[in-house]
Protein backbone atom coordinates (compact mmCIF):
# COMPACT_ATOMS: atom_id res chain seq x y z
CA MET A 1 4.83 -21.63 56.24
CA TRP A 2 4.46 -25.30 55.39
CA LEU A 3 5.05 -28.35 57.54
CA VAL A 4 6.46 -31.64 56.26
CA GLU A 5 3.02 -32.97 55.39
CA HIS A 6 2.22 -29.85 53.32
CA VAL A 7 5.45 -30.18 51.31
CA ALA A 8 4.80 -33.88 50.72
CA LYS A 9 1.29 -33.18 49.49
CA ALA A 10 2.35 -30.24 47.28
CA LEU A 11 5.10 -32.30 45.65
CA GLY A 12 3.10 -35.52 45.44
CA ARG A 13 5.66 -37.35 47.58
CA SER A 14 5.69 -39.14 50.92
CA GLU A 15 6.71 -37.49 54.17
CA SER A 16 9.69 -39.85 54.35
CA TRP A 17 10.85 -38.53 50.95
CA VAL A 18 10.75 -34.98 52.35
CA TYR A 19 12.72 -36.01 55.46
CA LYS A 20 15.30 -37.75 53.28
CA ARG A 21 15.82 -34.61 51.14
CA VAL A 22 16.17 -32.54 54.32
CA ALA A 23 18.76 -35.00 55.68
CA GLU A 24 20.66 -34.79 52.38
CA GLY A 25 20.69 -31.00 52.77
CA VAL A 26 19.03 -30.36 49.42
CA LEU A 27 15.51 -29.25 50.35
CA PRO A 28 15.37 -25.69 51.76
CA HIS A 29 13.92 -25.62 55.27
CA THR A 30 14.15 -24.01 58.67
CA LYS A 31 14.20 -25.72 62.03
CA ARG A 32 11.80 -24.31 64.58
CA THR A 33 10.89 -25.42 68.07
CA GLY A 34 8.00 -27.49 66.74
CA GLY A 35 10.07 -29.15 63.99
CA LEU A 36 10.79 -28.38 60.37
CA VAL A 37 9.08 -25.58 58.48
CA PHE A 38 9.28 -24.68 54.82
CA ILE A 39 8.66 -21.43 52.97
CA PRO A 40 6.45 -22.38 50.00
CA ALA A 41 8.20 -20.03 47.55
CA HIS A 42 11.60 -21.51 48.47
CA VAL A 43 10.34 -25.05 47.96
CA MET A 44 8.85 -24.21 44.57
CA THR A 45 12.05 -22.39 43.49
CA TRP A 46 14.07 -25.44 44.57
CA LEU A 47 11.76 -27.71 42.61
CA THR A 48 12.15 -25.61 39.47
CA ALA A 49 15.94 -25.56 39.87
CA GLU A 50 15.97 -29.37 40.29
CA ASP A 51 14.03 -29.78 37.04
CA ASP A 52 16.59 -27.65 35.17
CA SER A 53 19.70 -29.14 36.76
CA PRO A 54 22.32 -31.03 34.73
CA LYS A 55 21.83 -33.92 37.18
CA ALA A 56 18.21 -34.26 36.08
CA SER A 57 19.30 -34.12 32.43
CA ARG A 58 21.81 -36.91 33.01
CA ARG A 59 19.09 -39.12 34.50
CA THR A 60 16.94 -38.55 31.43
CA THR A 61 19.86 -39.27 29.09
CA ARG A 62 20.72 -42.49 30.93
CA ALA A 63 17.12 -43.65 30.78
CA LYS A 64 16.98 -42.99 27.03
CA SER A 65 20.28 -44.82 26.51
CA ALA A 66 19.06 -47.83 28.47
CA ARG A 67 15.86 -47.98 26.43
CA SER A 68 17.72 -47.75 23.11
CA ARG A 69 19.98 -50.65 24.12
CA ALA A 70 17.03 -52.87 25.03
């Protein structure tokens, strides 16, 4: 099990970024008496799914479009 700081370190993000994703309901987690815990395999599966999502593709397409217009 990982804590918030472990997820942040593994993903190269800040702890506030992790809390924000939890609040948005997008980062898989479990609430325990001591706070939030994360199953590493679930986090990594989520990360892989995020990389393959159409939403991520749209961000890339928009960025390319903006650069071509500049």
